[in-house]
Structure formats: structure tokens, C-alpha cells
C-alpha atoms as a PDB file:
ATOM      1  CA  MET A   1      10.735  16.226   6.758  1.00  0.00           C
ATOM      2  CA  ASP A   2      14.260  15.094   6.016  1.00  0.00           C
ATOM      3  CA  SER A   3      17.495  17.065   6.233  1.00  0.00           C
ATOM      4  CA  MET A   4      16.935  18.285   2.667  1.00  0.00           C
ATOM      5  CA  GLY A   5      13.497  19.713   3.495  1.00  0.00           C
ATOM      6  CA  ASN A   6      11.523  16.983   1.683  1.00  0.00           C
ATOM      7  CA  THR A   7       8.206  15.954   3.223  1.00  0.00           C
ATOM      8  CA  GLY A   8       7.238  13.002   1.031  1.00  0.00           C
ATOM      9  CA  ASN A   9       7.836  11.247  -2.238  1.00  0.00           C
ATOM     10  CA  GLU A  10       6.791  12.258  -5.746  1.00  0.00           C
ATOM     11  CA  ASN A  11       3.326  10.691  -5.330  1.00  0.00           C
ATOM     12  CA  GLY A  12       2.451  12.920  -2.380  1.00  0.00           C
ATOM     13  CA  PHE A  13       2.660  10.092   0.128  1.00  0.00           C
ATOM     14  CA  SER A  14       4.842  10.220   3.195  1.00  0.00           C
ATOM     15  CA  ALA A  15       6.365   7.332   5.092  1.00  0.00           C
ATOM     16  CA  PRO A  16       4.495   6.569   8.302  1.00  0.00           C
ATOM     17  CA  PRO A  17       6.031   6.305  11.720  1.00  0.00           C
ATOM     18  CA  PRO A  18       6.854   2.626  12.475  1.00  0.00           C
ATOM     19  CA  SER A  19       3.745   2.183  14.678  1.00  0.00           C
ATOM     20  CA  ARG A  20       1.239   3.459  12.060  1.00  0.00           C
ATOM     21  CA  GLN A  21       0.838   0.465   9.760  1.00  0.00           C
ATOM     22  CA  ASN A  22      -2.573  -0.263   8.272  1.00  0.00           C
ATOM     23  CA  ARG A  23      -4.403  -3.489   7.515  1.00  0.00           C
ATOM     24  CA  VAL A  24      -5.627  -2.790   3.975  1.00  0.00           C
ATOM     25  CA  ARG A  25      -3.802  -5.768   2.449  1.00  0.00           C
ATOM     26  CA  GLU A  26      -5.138  -8.131   5.117  1.00  0.00           C
ATOM     27  CA  PHE A  27      -8.757  -7.009   4.602  1.00  0.00           C
ATOM     28  CA  ARG A  28      -8.361  -7.044   0.793  1.00  0.00           C
ATOM     29  CA  GLU A  29      -6.955 -10.568   0.794  1.00  0.00           C
ATOM     30  CA  ASN A  30      -9.719 -11.759   3.143  1.00  0.00           C
ATOM     31  CA  LYS A  31     -12.175 -10.517   0.491  1.00  0.00           C
ATOM     32  CA  LEU A  32     -10.170 -12.405  -2.187  1.00  0.00           C
ATOM     33  CA  MET A  33      -9.608  -9.159  -4.093  1.00  0.00           C
ATOM     34  CA  THR A  34      -6.583  -8.139  -6.119  1.00  0.00           C
ATOM     35  CA  GLN A  35      -5.059  -4.698  -5.738  1.00  0.00           C
ATOM     36  CA  ALA A  36      -6.457  -3.822  -9.179  1.00  0.00           C
ATOM     37  CA  GLN A  37      -9.967  -4.898  -8.184  1.00  0.00           C
ATOM     38  CA  LEU A  38      -9.824  -2.829  -5.002  1.00  0.00           C
ATOM     39  CA  ALA A  39      -8.490   0.176  -6.921  1.00  0.00           C
ATOM     40  CA  ARG A  40     -11.332  -0.053  -9.457  1.00  0.00           C
ATOM     41  CA  LYS A  41     -13.990  -0.487  -6.791  1.00  0.00           C
ATOM     42  CA  ALA A  42     -12.570   2.373  -4.694  1.00  0.00           C
ATOM     43  CA  LYS A  43     -12.101   4.556  -7.796  1.00  0.00           C
ATOM     44  CA  VAL A  44      -8.456   5.265  -6.962  1.00  0.00           C
ATOM     45  CA  ALA A  45      -5.256   4.565  -8.858  1.00  0.00           C
ATOM     46  CA  LEU A  46      -3.623   1.162  -8.534  1.00  0.00           C
ATOM     47  CA  ARG A  47      -0.432   2.881  -7.365  1.00  0.00           C
ATOM     48  CA  THR A  48      -2.476   4.419  -4.526  1.00  0.00           C
ATOM     49  CA  ILE A  49      -3.503   0.977  -3.256  1.00  0.00           C
ATOM     50  CA  HIS A  50       0.077  -0.223  -3.622  1.00  0.00           C
ATOM     51  CA  SER A  51       1.420   2.764  -1.663  1.00  0.00           C
ATOM     52  CA  VAL A  52      -1.215   2.490   1.062  1.00  0.00           C
ATOM     53  CA  GLU A  53      -0.505  -1.225   1.506  1.00  0.00           C
ATOM     54  CA  LYS A  54       3.196  -0.393   1.832  1.00  0.00           C
ATOM     55  CA  GLY A  55       2.258   1.787   4.808  1.00  0.00           C
ATOM     56  CA  MET A  56       2.293   5.214   3.213  1.00  0.00           C
ATOM     57  CA  ASN A  57      -0.075   7.825   4.598  1.00  0.00           C
ATOM     58  CA  CYS A  58      -3.025   8.924   2.497  1.00  0.00           C
ATOM     59  CA  ARG A  59      -5.837  11.453   2.619  1.00  0.00           C
ATOM     60  CA  MET A  60      -8.963  10.801   4.672  1.00  0.00           C
ATOM     61  CA  ASP A  61     -11.044  10.725   1.474  1.00  0.00           C
ATOM     62  CA  THR A  62      -8.832   7.929   0.108  1.00  0.00           C
ATOM     63  CA  LYS A  63      -9.284   5.985   3.346  1.00  0.00           C
ATOM     64  CA  ARG A  64     -13.058   6.431   3.052  1.00  0.00           C
ATOM     65  CA  LYS A  65     -13.066   5.134  -0.551  1.00  0.00           C
ATOM     66  CA  ILE A  66     -10.966   2.102   0.405  1.00  0.00           C
ATOM     67  CA  LEU A  67     -13.140   1.303   3.421  1.00  0.00           C
ATOM     68  CA  LEU A  68     -16.341   1.477   1.378  1.00  0.00           C
ATOM     69  CA  ALA A  69     -14.789  -0.646  -1.390  1.00  0.00           C
ATOM     70  CA  LEU A  70     -13.925  -3.263   1.240  1.00  0.00           C
ATOM     71  CA  GLY A  71     -17.559  -3.342   2.345  1.00  0.00           C
ATOM     72  CA  LEU A  72     -16.883  -1.485   5.575  1.00  0.00           C
ATOM     73  CA  ARG A  73     -18.311   1.699   7.045  1.00  0.00           C
ATOM     74  CA  PHE A  74     -16.236   4.812   7.583  1.00  0.00           C
ATOM     75  CA  GLU A  75     -16.863   4.323  11.297  1.00  0.00           C
ATOM     76  CA  ASP A  76     -14.801   1.092  11.021  1.00  0.00           C
ATOM     77  CA  LYS A  77     -11.674   3.029   9.994  1.00  0.00           C
ATOM     78  CA  GLU A  78      -9.821   2.136  13.216  1.00  0.00           C
ATOM     79  CA  LEU A  79      -9.999  -1.546  12.220  1.00  0.00           C
ATOM     80  CA  VAL A  80      -8.132  -0.896   8.974  1.00  0.00           C
ATOM     81  CA  PHE A  81      -6.260   2.334   9.711  1.00  0.00           C
ATOM     82  CA  PRO A  82      -5.429   2.186  13.441  1.00  0.00           C
ATOM     83  CA  SER A  83      -4.337   5.513  14.868  1.00  0.00           C
ATOM     84  CA  ASN A  84      -2.328   3.974  17.711  1.00  0.00           C
ATOM     85  CA  PRO A  85      -2.055   0.191  17.319  1.00  0.00           C
ATOM     86  CA  SER A  86      -0.835  -1.045  20.683  1.00  0.00           C
ATOM     87  CA  PRO A  87      -0.119  -4.781  21.089  1.00  0.00           C
ATOM     88  CA  LEU A  88      -3.399  -5.202  23.020  1.00  0.00           C
ATOM     89  CA  VAL A  89      -5.426  -3.471  20.296  1.00  0.00           C
ATOM     90  CA  ALA A  90      -3.685  -5.515  17.602  1.00  0.00           C
ATOM     91  CA  ALA A  91      -4.536  -8.751  19.456  1.00  0.00           C
ATOM     92  CA  ALA A  92      -8.178  -7.705  19.793  1.00  0.00           C
ATOM     93  CA  LEU A  93      -8.342  -6.843  16.106  1.00  0.00           C
ATOM     94  CA  ASP A  94      -6.822 -10.204  15.184  1.00  0.00           C
ATOM     95  CA  ARG A  95      -9.477 -11.975  17.253  1.00  0.00           C
ATOM     96  CA  SER A  96     -12.214  -9.965  15.527  1.00  0.00           C
ATOM     97  CA  MET A  97     -10.836 -11.100  12.131  1.00  0.00           C
ATOM     98  CA  GLY A  98     -10.950 -14.733  13.216  1.00  0.00           C
ATOM     99  CA  HIS A  99      -7.160 -15.273  13.442  1.00  0.00           C
END
């Protein structure tokens, strides 16, 4: 919430804290998918994918749709949407992606 009492932008997304970035773009690009292809497969709006990749927060149902569209299980959500990405966790995730 800002000093004016606003909690997010007009799309219902809110800016994440600096440590809460996700890896949607990385996983999408590894699958050689465009944002439009991911949006269609996940059955969400293109602007939703764009906002999520920019680091905006989204609903759990949106995360589930994106994960499934990327060929992942909901149980893999910490790989794409880390809740507390410490440097050690980030390094382990990079190794698991083959980087």
C-alpha cells in the first residue's frame, strides 16, 4: 500500500518485494515458447503473462495454469515461483536447469 492507499495497479497485480522474482520467462524461453503461446496454453490473457514475467504477483490459480502450461506439476511451483529465493537456493535451481 502506498501513501495514497493504493494496493496495486489497474490490472489487480501488485509489485513484489525485491526478493520475490519468478522464473516464468526463463522456463518459457527454455521451452522455446512465446508469451502468446504460453498465454494460450495456460488460458490466461497475454497481459497476465507479461505482468507475471515483470515480477508482479498473481493468484495461485494463475500460477497453477502457468506451471501446467510449462509442462510442470503444481508441486514444482517453488522452481518457478520461489517463496524465498536465497542465493544458495538460486544456485541450486540454476544447476537443476543445466546452467
